[in-house]
Amino acid sequence: MAKYQGRTVKLNKPFRTTGERKKFGVYVRDRSTGNVKKVRFGDPNMKIKKSNPARQKSFLARHGAILKKVRGQKTLAPVYWALKSWRKGFNV
């Protein structure tokens, strides 16, 4: 548990956002500053169809290269959480 803008929030637990510009959000602690940041990811107008193996393979191949380019703390990058959401066992 951590504080974000005066509220107590769970860290590294993705949640669905409503009425915002992104579909999901997650609170992450920045290791360099110690502050809690909100990372938003996902297009609200698209569906995650991870049950289709061809779509899943294609998505992971496209975005895996982007994650390799991220410098610093990977969990602060939206692509990290997008990739995680396409893996099995991710429920929001």
N, C-alpha and C. Protein backbone atom coordinates (compact mmCIF):
# COMPACT_ATOMS: atom_id res chain seq x y z
N MET A 1 0.84 -1.17 0.00
CA MET A 1 0.00 0.00 0.00
C MET A 1 0.89 1.24 0.00
N ALA A 2 0.42 2.25 -0.70
CA ALA A 2 1.18 3.49 -0.79
C ALA A 2 0.21 4.66 -0.92
N LYS A 3 0.72 5.85 -0.79
CA LYS A 3 -0.09 7.07 -0.93
C LYS A 3 0.14 7.69 -2.30
N TYR A 4 -0.96 8.04 -2.98
CA TYR A 4 -0.91 8.75 -4.25
C TYR A 4 -1.96 9.85 -4.19
N GLN A 5 -1.51 11.09 -4.20
CA GLN A 5 -2.39 12.26 -4.14
C GLN A 5 -3.38 12.16 -2.97
N GLY A 6 -2.86 11.73 -1.82
CA GLY A 6 -3.67 11.68 -0.61
C GLY A 6 -4.50 10.43 -0.44
N ARG A 7 -4.51 9.54 -1.43
CA ARG A 7 -5.28 8.30 -1.35
C ARG A 7 -4.36 7.12 -1.13
N THR A 8 -4.85 6.08 -0.48
CA THR A 8 -4.10 4.85 -0.33
C THR A 8 -4.39 3.97 -1.53
N VAL A 9 -3.33 3.51 -2.22
CA VAL A 9 -3.49 2.71 -3.44
C VAL A 9 -2.61 1.47 -3.36
N LYS A 10 -2.99 0.45 -4.14
CA LYS A 10 -2.19 -0.77 -4.24
C LYS A 10 -1.20 -0.59 -5.38
N LEU A 11 0.04 -0.97 -5.12
CA LEU A 11 1.08 -0.86 -6.14
C LEU A 11 1.11 -2.10 -7.02
N ASN A 12 1.42 -1.88 -8.30
CA ASN A 12 1.61 -2.96 -9.29
C ASN A 12 0.38 -3.83 -9.47
N LYS A 13 -0.80 -3.27 -9.26
CA LYS A 13 -2.06 -4.00 -9.46
C LYS A 13 -2.88 -3.23 -10.50
N PRO A 14 -2.88 -3.68 -11.76
CA PRO A 14 -3.60 -2.96 -12.81
C PRO A 14 -5.10 -2.88 -12.52
N PHE A 15 -5.70 -1.79 -12.95
CA PHE A 15 -7.14 -1.57 -12.78
C PHE A 15 -7.68 -0.93 -14.05
N ARG A 16 -8.96 -1.09 -14.23
CA ARG A 16 -9.64 -0.52 -15.40
C ARG A 16 -10.03 0.92 -15.08
N THR A 17 -9.74 1.82 -16.02
CA THR A 17 -10.10 3.22 -15.83
C THR A 17 -11.40 3.49 -16.59
N THR A 18 -12.19 4.39 -16.07
CA THR A 18 -13.44 4.74 -16.74
C THR A 18 -13.43 6.22 -17.07
N GLY A 19 -13.78 6.53 -18.28
CA GLY A 19 -13.87 7.93 -18.70
C GLY A 19 -12.54 8.62 -18.87
N GLU A 20 -11.46 7.86 -18.98
CA GLU A 20 -10.14 8.45 -19.18
C GLU A 20 -9.65 8.13 -20.58
N ARG A 21 -8.49 8.67 -20.92
CA ARG A 21 -7.99 8.51 -22.28
C ARG A 21 -7.33 7.15 -22.52
N LYS A 22 -7.12 6.37 -21.46
CA LYS A 22 -6.56 5.04 -21.60
C LYS A 22 -7.46 4.03 -20.91
N LYS A 23 -7.33 2.75 -21.29
CA LYS A 23 -8.21 1.70 -20.81
C LYS A 23 -7.85 1.20 -19.41
N PHE A 24 -6.56 1.09 -19.13
CA PHE A 24 -6.09 0.57 -17.86
C PHE A 24 -5.11 1.54 -17.21
N GLY A 25 -4.90 1.35 -15.92
CA GLY A 25 -3.92 2.12 -15.19
C GLY A 25 -3.31 1.26 -14.11
N VAL A 26 -2.14 1.66 -13.63
CA VAL A 26 -1.47 0.94 -12.56
C VAL A 26 -0.60 1.94 -11.80
N TYR A 27 -0.54 1.78 -10.49
CA TYR A 27 0.31 2.63 -9.66
C TYR A 27 1.64 1.93 -9.45
N VAL A 28 2.74 2.65 -9.69
CA VAL A 28 4.08 2.09 -9.61
C VAL A 28 4.96 3.05 -8.81
N ARG A 29 5.83 2.50 -7.97
CA ARG A 29 6.77 3.34 -7.24
C ARG A 29 8.02 3.54 -8.09
N ASP A 30 8.38 4.80 -8.29
CA ASP A 30 9.59 5.16 -9.02
C ASP A 30 10.78 4.96 -8.08
N ARG A 31 11.69 4.05 -8.46
CA ARG A 31 12.81 3.73 -7.58
C ARG A 31 13.78 4.89 -7.43
N SER A 32 13.91 5.73 -8.44
CA SER A 32 14.89 6.81 -8.36
C SER A 32 14.44 7.93 -7.43
N THR A 33 13.14 8.24 -7.39
CA THR A 33 12.65 9.33 -6.55
C THR A 33 11.89 8.84 -5.32
N GLY A 34 11.36 7.62 -5.38
CA GLY A 34 10.57 7.10 -4.28
C GLY A 34 9.10 7.49 -4.36
N ASN A 35 8.73 8.29 -5.37
CA ASN A 35 7.34 8.71 -5.53
C ASN A 35 6.51 7.65 -6.23
N VAL A 36 5.21 7.68 -5.99
CA VAL A 36 4.28 6.78 -6.66
C VAL A 36 3.77 7.48 -7.91
N LYS A 37 3.79 6.76 -9.05
CA LYS A 37 3.32 7.32 -10.30
C LYS A 37 2.21 6.45 -10.86
N LYS A 38 1.32 7.07 -11.60
CA LYS A 38 0.23 6.35 -12.26
C LYS A 38 0.62 6.16 -13.73
N VAL A 39 0.68 4.92 -14.17
CA VAL A 39 1.01 4.60 -15.56
C VAL A 39 -0.27 4.15 -16.23
N ARG A 40 -0.62 4.81 -17.33
CA ARG A 40 -1.82 4.45 -18.08
C ARG A 40 -1.41 3.75 -19.36
N PHE A 41 -2.22 2.74 -19.77
CA PHE A 41 -1.91 2.01 -21.01
C PHE A 41 -3.19 1.43 -21.58
N GLY A 42 -3.16 1.12 -22.88
CA GLY A 42 -4.28 0.47 -23.54
C GLY A 42 -5.22 1.45 -24.22
N ASP A 43 -5.65 1.08 -25.41
CA ASP A 43 -6.58 1.90 -26.18
C ASP A 43 -8.00 1.57 -25.73
N PRO A 44 -8.77 2.57 -25.28
CA PRO A 44 -10.12 2.28 -24.78
C PRO A 44 -11.09 1.84 -25.87
N ASN A 45 -10.73 2.07 -27.13
CA ASN A 45 -11.63 1.70 -28.23
C ASN A 45 -11.33 0.33 -28.82
N MET A 46 -10.33 -0.37 -28.30
CA MET A 46 -9.96 -1.67 -28.84
C MET A 46 -10.15 -2.76 -27.78
N LYS A 47 -10.36 -3.98 -28.25
CA LYS A 47 -10.52 -5.12 -27.37
C LYS A 47 -9.23 -5.93 -27.33
N ILE A 48 -8.94 -6.52 -26.18
CA ILE A 48 -7.80 -7.44 -26.07
C ILE A 48 -8.32 -8.81 -26.45
N LYS A 49 -7.80 -9.34 -27.54
CA LYS A 49 -8.23 -10.66 -28.00
C LYS A 49 -7.07 -11.64 -27.85
N LYS A 50 -6.62 -11.80 -26.60
CA LYS A 50 -5.47 -12.64 -26.36
C LYS A 50 -5.78 -14.13 -26.47
N SER A 51 -7.05 -14.47 -26.60
CA SER A 51 -7.42 -15.88 -26.76
C SER A 51 -7.09 -16.38 -28.17
N ASN A 52 -6.86 -15.47 -29.10
CA ASN A 52 -6.46 -15.83 -30.46
C ASN A 52 -4.93 -15.90 -30.50
N PRO A 53 -4.35 -17.10 -30.63
CA PRO A 53 -2.89 -17.25 -30.56
C PRO A 53 -2.13 -16.43 -31.61
N ALA A 54 -2.69 -16.28 -32.79
CA ALA A 54 -2.00 -15.52 -33.84
C ALA A 54 -1.92 -14.04 -33.47
N ARG A 55 -3.00 -13.49 -32.93
CA ARG A 55 -3.00 -12.09 -32.50
C ARG A 55 -2.03 -11.87 -31.34
N GLN A 56 -2.04 -12.80 -30.41
CA GLN A 56 -1.17 -12.69 -29.25
C GLN A 56 0.30 -12.71 -29.68
N LYS A 57 0.65 -13.62 -30.55
CA LYS A 57 2.02 -13.74 -31.03
C LYS A 57 2.46 -12.47 -31.75
N SER A 58 1.57 -11.93 -32.57
CA SER A 58 1.88 -10.72 -33.32
C SER A 58 2.08 -9.52 -32.39
N PHE A 59 1.19 -9.36 -31.42
CA PHE A 59 1.29 -8.24 -30.49
C PHE A 59 2.58 -8.31 -29.68
N LEU A 60 2.88 -9.49 -29.15
CA LEU A 60 4.08 -9.65 -28.33
C LEU A 60 5.34 -9.42 -29.15
N ALA A 61 5.34 -9.82 -30.42
CA ALA A 61 6.50 -9.61 -31.28
C ALA A 61 6.70 -8.13 -31.58
N ARG A 62 5.62 -7.41 -31.83
CA ARG A 62 5.71 -5.97 -32.14
C ARG A 62 6.21 -5.16 -30.96
N HIS A 63 5.66 -5.45 -29.79
CA HIS A 63 5.94 -4.60 -28.64
C HIS A 63 7.15 -5.05 -27.82
N GLY A 64 7.60 -6.27 -28.02
CA GLY A 64 8.79 -6.74 -27.31
C GLY A 64 10.02 -5.92 -27.69
N ALA A 65 10.11 -5.54 -28.96
CA ALA A 65 11.25 -4.73 -29.41
C ALA A 65 11.21 -3.34 -28.79
N ILE A 66 10.02 -2.81 -28.59
CA ILE A 66 9.88 -1.49 -27.97
C ILE A 66 10.34 -1.54 -26.52
N LEU A 67 9.99 -2.61 -25.82
CA LEU A 67 10.38 -2.74 -24.41
C LEU A 67 11.89 -2.82 -24.26
N LYS A 68 12.57 -3.44 -25.22
CA LYS A 68 14.03 -3.55 -25.15
C LYS A 68 14.69 -2.18 -25.25
N LYS A 69 14.04 -1.21 -25.88
CA LYS A 69 14.59 0.12 -26.04
C LYS A 69 14.39 1.00 -24.80
N VAL A 70 13.54 0.58 -23.89
CA VAL A 70 13.25 1.37 -22.68
C VAL A 70 14.48 1.37 -21.79
N ARG A 71 14.88 2.56 -21.37
CA ARG A 71 16.01 2.69 -20.47
C ARG A 71 15.49 3.00 -19.08
N GLY A 72 16.19 2.54 -18.09
CA GLY A 72 15.77 2.80 -16.72
C GLY A 72 14.77 1.76 -16.24
N GLN A 73 13.88 2.17 -15.39
CA GLN A 73 12.92 1.28 -14.75
C GLN A 73 11.84 0.87 -15.74
N LYS A 74 11.78 -0.41 -16.08
CA LYS A 74 10.85 -0.92 -17.09
C LYS A 74 9.38 -0.79 -16.65
N THR A 75 9.10 -0.89 -15.35
CA THR A 75 7.71 -0.87 -14.89
C THR A 75 7.07 0.51 -15.03
N LEU A 76 7.86 1.55 -15.30
CA LEU A 76 7.30 2.88 -15.53
C LEU A 76 6.88 3.06 -16.99
N ALA A 77 7.18 2.10 -17.85
CA ALA A 77 6.83 2.19 -19.26
C ALA A 77 5.47 1.54 -19.52
N PRO A 78 4.57 2.24 -20.22
CA PRO A 78 3.27 1.65 -20.54
C PRO A 78 3.37 0.36 -21.34
N VAL A 79 4.39 0.23 -22.18
CA VAL A 79 4.54 -0.98 -22.99
C VAL A 79 4.79 -2.20 -22.10
N TYR A 80 5.44 -2.03 -20.97
CA TYR A 80 5.67 -3.13 -20.03
C TYR A 80 4.33 -3.72 -19.57
N TRP A 81 3.42 -2.84 -19.19
CA TRP A 81 2.12 -3.29 -18.69
C TRP A 81 1.23 -3.79 -19.82
N ALA A 82 1.36 -3.22 -21.01
CA ALA A 82 0.59 -3.71 -22.16
C ALA A 82 1.00 -5.14 -22.49
N LEU A 83 2.30 -5.41 -22.48
CA LEU A 83 2.78 -6.77 -22.73
C LEU A 83 2.30 -7.73 -21.65
N LYS A 84 2.34 -7.26 -20.43
CA LYS A 84 1.91 -8.10 -19.31
C LYS A 84 0.42 -8.43 -19.43
N SER A 85 -0.37 -7.49 -19.92
CA SER A 85 -1.81 -7.72 -20.05
C SER A 85 -2.15 -8.76 -21.11
N TRP A 86 -1.26 -8.97 -22.07
CA TRP A 86 -1.50 -9.95 -23.12
C TRP A 86 -1.05 -11.35 -22.71
N ARG A 87 -0.39 -11.49 -21.61
CA ARG A 87 0.05 -12.80 -21.16
C ARG A 87 -1.09 -13.50 -20.41
N LYS A 88 -0.99 -14.81 -20.32
CA LYS A 88 -2.03 -15.59 -19.65
C LYS A 88 -2.03 -15.29 -18.16
N GLY A 89 -3.20 -15.31 -17.57
CA GLY A 89 -3.34 -15.07 -16.14
C GLY A 89 -3.56 -13.63 -15.76
N PHE A 90 -3.60 -12.72 -16.73
CA PHE A 90 -3.83 -11.30 -16.44
C PHE A 90 -5.32 -11.06 -16.38
N ASN A 91 -5.81 -10.64 -15.25
CA ASN A 91 -7.24 -10.33 -15.09
C ASN A 91 -7.40 -8.96 -14.48
N VAL A 92 -8.31 -8.19 -15.06
CA VAL A 92 -8.63 -6.87 -14.50
C VAL A 92 -10.10 -6.83 -14.23
